[in-house]
PDB file of N, CA and C in Angstrom:
ATOM      1  N   MET A   1     -59.649  58.207 -16.580  1.00  0.00           N
ATOM      2  CA  MET A   1     -60.584  57.916 -17.655  1.00  0.00           C
ATOM      3  C   MET A   1     -61.973  58.386 -17.244  1.00  0.00           C
ATOM      4  N   THR A   2     -62.645  59.109 -18.095  1.00  0.00           N
ATOM      5  CA  THR A   2     -63.982  59.589 -17.770  1.00  0.00           C
ATOM      6  C   THR A   2     -64.972  58.455 -17.911  1.00  0.00           C
ATOM      7  N   VAL A   3     -66.169  58.661 -17.386  1.00  0.00           N
ATOM      8  CA  VAL A   3     -67.202  57.632 -17.455  1.00  0.00           C
ATOM      9  C   VAL A   3     -67.541  57.313 -18.900  1.00  0.00           C
ATOM     10  N   SER A   4     -67.716  58.339 -19.738  1.00  0.00           N
ATOM     11  CA  SER A   4     -68.065  58.077 -21.122  1.00  0.00           C
ATOM     12  C   SER A   4     -66.968  57.285 -21.849  1.00  0.00           C
ATOM     13  N   ARG A   5     -65.707  57.563 -21.559  1.00  0.00           N
ATOM     14  CA  ARG A   5     -64.616  56.783 -22.158  1.00  0.00           C
ATOM     15  C   ARG A   5     -64.628  55.360 -21.657  1.00  0.00           C
ATOM     16  N   ALA A   6     -64.946  55.160 -20.379  1.00  0.00           N
ATOM     17  CA  ALA A   6     -65.005  53.808 -19.824  1.00  0.00           C
ATOM     18  C   ALA A   6     -66.103  53.001 -20.490  1.00  0.00           C
ATOM     19  N   ILE A   7     -67.214  53.643 -20.764  1.00  0.00           N
ATOM     20  CA  ILE A   7     -68.322  52.948 -21.408  1.00  0.00           C
ATOM     21  C   ILE A   7     -67.904  52.500 -22.805  1.00  0.00           C
ATOM     22  N   TYR A   8     -67.226  53.362 -23.535  1.00  0.00           N
ATOM     23  CA  TYR A   8     -66.812  52.990 -24.884  1.00  0.00           C
ATOM     24  C   TYR A   8     -65.676  51.960 -24.867  1.00  0.00           C
ATOM     25  N   ALA A   9     -64.806  52.051 -23.888  1.00  0.00           N
ATOM     26  CA  ALA A   9     -63.668  51.118 -23.809  1.00  0.00           C
ATOM     27  C   ALA A   9     -64.140  49.721 -23.450  1.00  0.00           C
ATOM     28  N   ASN A  10     -65.019  49.600 -22.478  1.00  0.00           N
ATOM     29  CA  ASN A  10     -65.521  48.309 -22.040  1.00  0.00           C
ATOM     30  C   ASN A  10     -66.921  48.493 -21.470  1.00  0.00           C
ATOM     31  N   PRO A  11     -67.933  48.484 -22.344  1.00  0.00           N
ATOM     32  CA  PRO A  11     -69.285  48.762 -21.849  1.00  0.00           C
ATOM     33  C   PRO A  11     -69.820  47.716 -20.871  1.00  0.00           C
ATOM     34  N   VAL A  12     -69.383  46.462 -20.994  1.00  0.00           N
ATOM     35  CA  VAL A  12     -69.838  45.421 -20.062  1.00  0.00           C
ATOM     36  C   VAL A  12     -69.323  45.740 -18.650  1.00  0.00           C
ATOM     37  N   ALA A  13     -68.057  46.096 -18.555  1.00  0.00           N
ATOM     38  CA  ALA A  13     -67.483  46.429 -17.246  1.00  0.00           C
ATOM     39  C   ALA A  13     -68.108  47.697 -16.684  1.00  0.00           C
ATOM     40  N   ALA A  14     -68.366  48.669 -17.543  1.00  0.00           N
ATOM     41  CA  ALA A  14     -68.999  49.917 -17.073  1.00  0.00           C
ATOM     42  C   ALA A  14     -70.396  49.627 -16.559  1.00  0.00           C
ATOM     43  N   ALA A  15     -71.152  48.806 -17.267  1.00  0.00           N
ATOM     44  CA  ALA A  15     -72.509  48.446 -16.838  1.00  0.00           C
ATOM     45  C   ALA A  15     -72.455  47.673 -15.532  1.00  0.00           C
ATOM     46  N   ALA A  16     -71.518  46.777 -15.409  1.00  0.00           N
ATOM     47  CA  ALA A  16     -71.372  45.975 -14.189  1.00  0.00           C
ATOM     48  C   ALA A  16     -71.063  46.857 -12.999  1.00  0.00           C
ATOM     49  N   GLN A  17     -70.151  47.787 -13.185  1.00  0.00           N
ATOM     50  CA  GLN A  17     -69.780  48.698 -12.097  1.00  0.00           C
ATOM     51  C   GLN A  17     -70.972  49.572 -11.700  1.00  0.00           C
ATOM     52  N   TRP A  18     -71.686  50.093 -12.680  1.00  0.00           N
ATOM     53  CA  TRP A  18     -72.861  50.901 -12.407  1.00  0.00           C
ATOM     54  C   TRP A  18     -73.888  50.075 -11.623  1.00  0.00           C
ATOM     55  N   LEU A  19     -74.172  48.873 -12.101  1.00  0.00           N
ATOM     56  CA  LEU A  19     -75.178  48.029 -11.486  1.00  0.00           C
ATOM     57  C   LEU A  19     -74.785  47.641 -10.056  1.00  0.00           C
ATOM     58  N   ALA A  20     -73.507  47.376  -9.843  1.00  0.00           N
ATOM     59  CA  ALA A  20     -73.029  46.986  -8.498  1.00  0.00           C
ATOM     60  C   ALA A  20     -73.194  48.110  -7.496  1.00  0.00           C
ATOM     61  N   THR A  21     -73.169  49.343  -7.945  1.00  0.00           N
ATOM     62  CA  THR A  21     -73.253  50.482  -7.022  1.00  0.00           C
ATOM     63  C   THR A  21     -74.615  51.136  -7.006  1.00  0.00           C
ATOM     64  N   GLU A  22     -75.498  50.722  -7.882  1.00  0.00           N
ATOM     65  CA  GLU A  22     -76.835  51.306  -7.946  1.00  0.00           C
ATOM     66  C   GLU A  22     -77.718  50.755  -6.821  1.00  0.00           C
ATOM     67  N   LYS A  23     -78.271  51.633  -6.006  1.00  0.00           N
ATOM     68  CA  LYS A  23     -79.091  51.207  -4.872  1.00  0.00           C
ATOM     69  C   LYS A  23     -80.425  50.597  -5.326  1.00  0.00           C
ATOM     70  N   SER A  24     -81.029  51.201  -6.330  1.00  0.00           N
ATOM     71  CA  SER A  24     -82.362  50.760  -6.775  1.00  0.00           C
ATOM     72  C   SER A  24     -82.387  50.697  -8.298  1.00  0.00           C
ATOM     73  N   PRO A  25     -81.820  49.647  -8.888  1.00  0.00           N
ATOM     74  CA  PRO A  25     -81.774  49.561 -10.349  1.00  0.00           C
ATOM     75  C   PRO A  25     -83.178  49.378 -10.938  1.00  0.00           C
ATOM     76  N   PRO A  26     -83.378  49.884 -12.131  1.00  0.00           N
ATOM     77  CA  PRO A  26     -84.695  49.764 -12.764  1.00  0.00           C
ATOM     78  C   PRO A  26     -85.008  48.316 -13.154  1.00  0.00           C
ATOM     79  N   HIS A  27     -86.282  48.039 -13.245  1.00  0.00           N
ATOM     80  CA  HIS A  27     -86.728  46.700 -13.668  1.00  0.00           C
ATOM     81  C   HIS A  27     -87.636  46.869 -14.863  1.00  0.00           C
ATOM     82  N   PRO A  28     -87.527  46.052 -15.868  1.00  0.00           N
ATOM     83  CA  PRO A  28     -86.573  44.954 -16.027  1.00  0.00           C
ATOM     84  C   PRO A  28     -85.190  45.500 -16.394  1.00  0.00           C
ATOM     85  N   ILE A  29     -84.158  44.873 -15.869  1.00  0.00           N
ATOM     86  CA  ILE A  29     -82.804  45.404 -15.988  1.00  0.00           C
ATOM     87  C   ILE A  29     -82.156  45.145 -17.338  1.00  0.00           C
ATOM     88  N   ILE A  30     -82.408  43.998 -17.955  1.00  0.00           N
ATOM     89  CA  ILE A  30     -81.732  43.684 -19.205  1.00  0.00           C
ATOM     90  C   ILE A  30     -82.064  44.694 -20.310  1.00  0.00           C
ATOM     91  N   PRO A  31     -83.329  45.037 -20.549  1.00  0.00           N
ATOM     92  CA  PRO A  31     -83.591  46.057 -21.562  1.00  0.00           C
ATOM     93  C   PRO A  31     -82.950  47.406 -21.221  1.00  0.00           C
ATOM     94  N   TYR A  32     -82.914  47.733 -19.935  1.00  0.00           N
ATOM     95  CA  TYR A  32     -82.300  48.986 -19.512  1.00  0.00           C
ATOM     96  C   TYR A  32     -80.799  48.991 -19.824  1.00  0.00           C
ATOM     97  N   LEU A  33     -80.101  47.937 -19.474  1.00  0.00           N
ATOM     98  CA  LEU A  33     -78.657  47.857 -19.766  1.00  0.00           C
ATOM     99  C   LEU A  33     -78.402  47.871 -21.262  1.00  0.00           C
ATOM    100  N   ARG A  34     -79.236  47.206 -22.017  1.00  0.00           N
ATOM    101  CA  ARG A  34     -79.071  47.201 -23.479  1.00  0.00           C
ATOM    102  C   ARG A  34     -79.182  48.603 -24.034  1.00  0.00           C
ATOM    103  N   LYS A  35     -80.172  49.352 -23.573  1.00  0.00           N
ATOM    104  CA  LYS A  35     -80.373  50.706 -24.097  1.00  0.00           C
ATOM    105  C   LYS A  35     -79.303  51.690 -23.592  1.00  0.00           C
ATOM    106  N   GLN A  36     -79.063  51.688 -22.293  1.00  0.00           N
ATOM    107  CA  GLN A  36     -78.144  52.664 -21.699  1.00  0.00           C
ATOM    108  C   GLN A  36     -76.683  52.446 -22.055  1.00  0.00           C
ATOM    109  N   PHE A  37     -76.284  51.173 -22.182  1.00  0.00           N
ATOM    110  CA  PHE A  37     -74.890  50.870 -22.398  1.00  0.00           C
ATOM    111  C   PHE A  37     -74.614  50.270 -23.779  1.00  0.00           C
ATOM    112  N   GLY A  38     -75.657  50.107 -24.584  1.00  0.00           N
ATOM    113  CA  GLY A  38     -75.497  49.571 -25.931  1.00  0.00           C
ATOM    114  C   GLY A  38     -75.066  48.109 -25.965  1.00  0.00           C
ATOM    115  N   LEU A  39     -75.549  47.325 -25.031  1.00  0.00           N
ATOM    116  CA  LEU A  39     -75.142  45.938 -24.906  1.00  0.00           C
ATOM    117  C   LEU A  39     -76.102  45.007 -25.649  1.00  0.00           C
ATOM    118  N   SER A  40     -75.584  43.839 -26.023  1.00  0.00           N
ATOM    119  CA  SER A  40     -76.449  42.779 -26.499  1.00  0.00           C
ATOM    120  C   SER A  40     -77.073  42.111 -25.260  1.00  0.00           C
ATOM    121  N   SER A  41     -78.028  41.250 -25.467  1.00  0.00           N
ATOM    122  CA  SER A  41     -78.629  40.538 -24.333  1.00  0.00           C
ATOM    123  C   SER A  41     -77.568  39.720 -23.582  1.00  0.00           C
ATOM    124  N   ALA A  42     -76.711  39.042 -24.338  1.00  0.00           N
ATOM    125  CA  ALA A  42     -75.659  38.219 -23.712  1.00  0.00           C
ATOM    126  C   ALA A  42     -74.704  39.101 -22.910  1.00  0.00           C
ATOM    127  N   ASP A  43     -74.373  40.272 -23.450  1.00  0.00           N
ATOM    128  CA  ASP A  43     -73.476  41.176 -22.728  1.00  0.00           C
ATOM    129  C   ASP A  43     -74.153  41.742 -21.478  1.00  0.00           C
ATOM    130  N   ALA A  44     -75.443  42.008 -21.549  1.00  0.00           N
ATOM    131  CA  ALA A  44     -76.167  42.495 -20.380  1.00  0.00           C
ATOM    132  C   ALA A  44     -76.147  41.440 -19.270  1.00  0.00           C
ATOM    133  N   ILE A  45     -76.316  40.190 -19.648  1.00  0.00           N
ATOM    134  CA  ILE A  45     -76.271  39.094 -18.662  1.00  0.00           C
ATOM    135  C   ILE A  45     -74.864  38.999 -18.061  1.00  0.00           C
ATOM    136  N   ALA A  46     -73.850  39.147 -18.917  1.00  0.00           N
ATOM    137  CA  ALA A  46     -72.461  39.118 -18.430  1.00  0.00           C
ATOM    138  C   ALA A  46     -72.217  40.279 -17.447  1.00  0.00           C
ATOM    139  N   ALA A  47     -72.792  41.439 -17.723  1.00  0.00           N
ATOM    140  CA  ALA A  47     -72.638  42.579 -16.820  1.00  0.00           C
ATOM    141  C   ALA A  47     -73.327  42.304 -15.485  1.00  0.00           C
ATOM    142  N   ILE A  48     -74.471  41.664 -15.515  1.00  0.00           N
ATOM    143  CA  ILE A  48     -75.162  41.317 -14.265  1.00  0.00           C
ATOM    144  C   ILE A  48     -74.325  40.345 -13.447  1.00  0.00           C
ATOM    145  N   ARG A  49     -73.781  39.325 -14.112  1.00  0.00           N
ATOM    146  CA  ARG A  49     -72.904  38.388 -13.397  1.00  0.00           C
ATOM    147  C   ARG A  49     -71.706  39.087 -12.780  1.00  0.00           C
ATOM    148  N   GLU A  50     -71.079  39.958 -13.579  1.00  0.00           N
ATOM    149  CA  GLU A  50     -69.913  40.690 -13.092  1.00  0.00           C
ATOM    150  C   GLU A  50     -70.294  41.590 -11.908  1.00  0.00           C
ATOM    151  N   SER A  51     -71.476  42.201 -11.963  1.00  0.00           N
ATOM    152  CA  SER A  51     -71.897  43.078 -10.872  1.00  0.00           C
ATOM    153  C   SER A  51     -72.055  42.276  -9.570  1.00  0.00           C
ATOM    154  N   HIS A  52     -72.502  41.030  -9.677  1.00  0.00           N
ATOM    155  CA  HIS A  52     -72.618  40.177  -8.489  1.00  0.00           C
ATOM    156  C   HIS A  52     -71.230  39.904  -7.889  1.00  0.00           C
ATOM    157  N   LEU A  53     -70.252  39.680  -8.761  1.00  0.00           N
ATOM    158  CA  LEU A  53     -68.873  39.429  -8.298  1.00  0.00           C
ATOM    159  C   LEU A  53     -68.299  40.692  -7.624  1.00  0.00           C
ATOM    160  N   ILE A  54     -68.585  41.843  -8.220  1.00  0.00           N
ATOM    161  CA  ILE A  54     -68.097  43.106  -7.625  1.00  0.00           C
ATOM    162  C   ILE A  54     -68.701  43.279  -6.241  1.00  0.00           C
ATOM    163  N   LYS A  55     -69.997  43.043  -6.109  1.00  0.00           N
ATOM    164  CA  LYS A  55     -70.649  43.178  -4.801  1.00  0.00           C
ATOM    165  C   LYS A  55     -70.080  42.191  -3.789  1.00  0.00           C
ATOM    166  N   ALA A  56     -69.847  40.962  -4.227  1.00  0.00           N
ATOM    167  CA  ALA A  56     -69.309  39.924  -3.316  1.00  0.00           C
ATOM    168  C   ALA A  56     -67.907  40.305  -2.837  1.00  0.00           C
ATOM    169  N   ARG A  57     -67.092  40.849  -3.724  1.00  0.00           N
ATOM    170  CA  ARG A  57     -65.740  41.249  -3.354  1.00  0.00           C
ATOM    171  C   ARG A  57     -65.724  42.404  -2.379  1.00  0.00           C
ATOM    172  N   SER A  58     -66.745  43.233  -2.458  1.00  0.00           N
ATOM    173  CA  SER A  58     -66.774  44.439  -1.584  1.00  0.00           C
ATOM    174  C   SER A  58     -67.342  44.156  -0.205  1.00  0.00           C
ATOM    175  N   SER A  59     -67.890  42.983  -0.021  1.00  0.00           N
ATOM    176  CA  SER A  59     -68.492  42.628   1.290  1.00  0.00           C
ATOM    177  C   SER A  59     -67.463  42.127   2.274  1.00  0.00           C
TER     178      SER A  59
END
């Protein structure tokens, strides 16, 4: 699955994966995730939570 297909299939998961691997994410992050991934504020927060879980699992 390509990145663009992943974003359309599950944008929250795509945003979470991107955020978990991004070394220096932009600030403020919620407006960035909303614009780049087409998320609502609640979905952006869910992506942030999921990114923390992804990082914790990889440690």
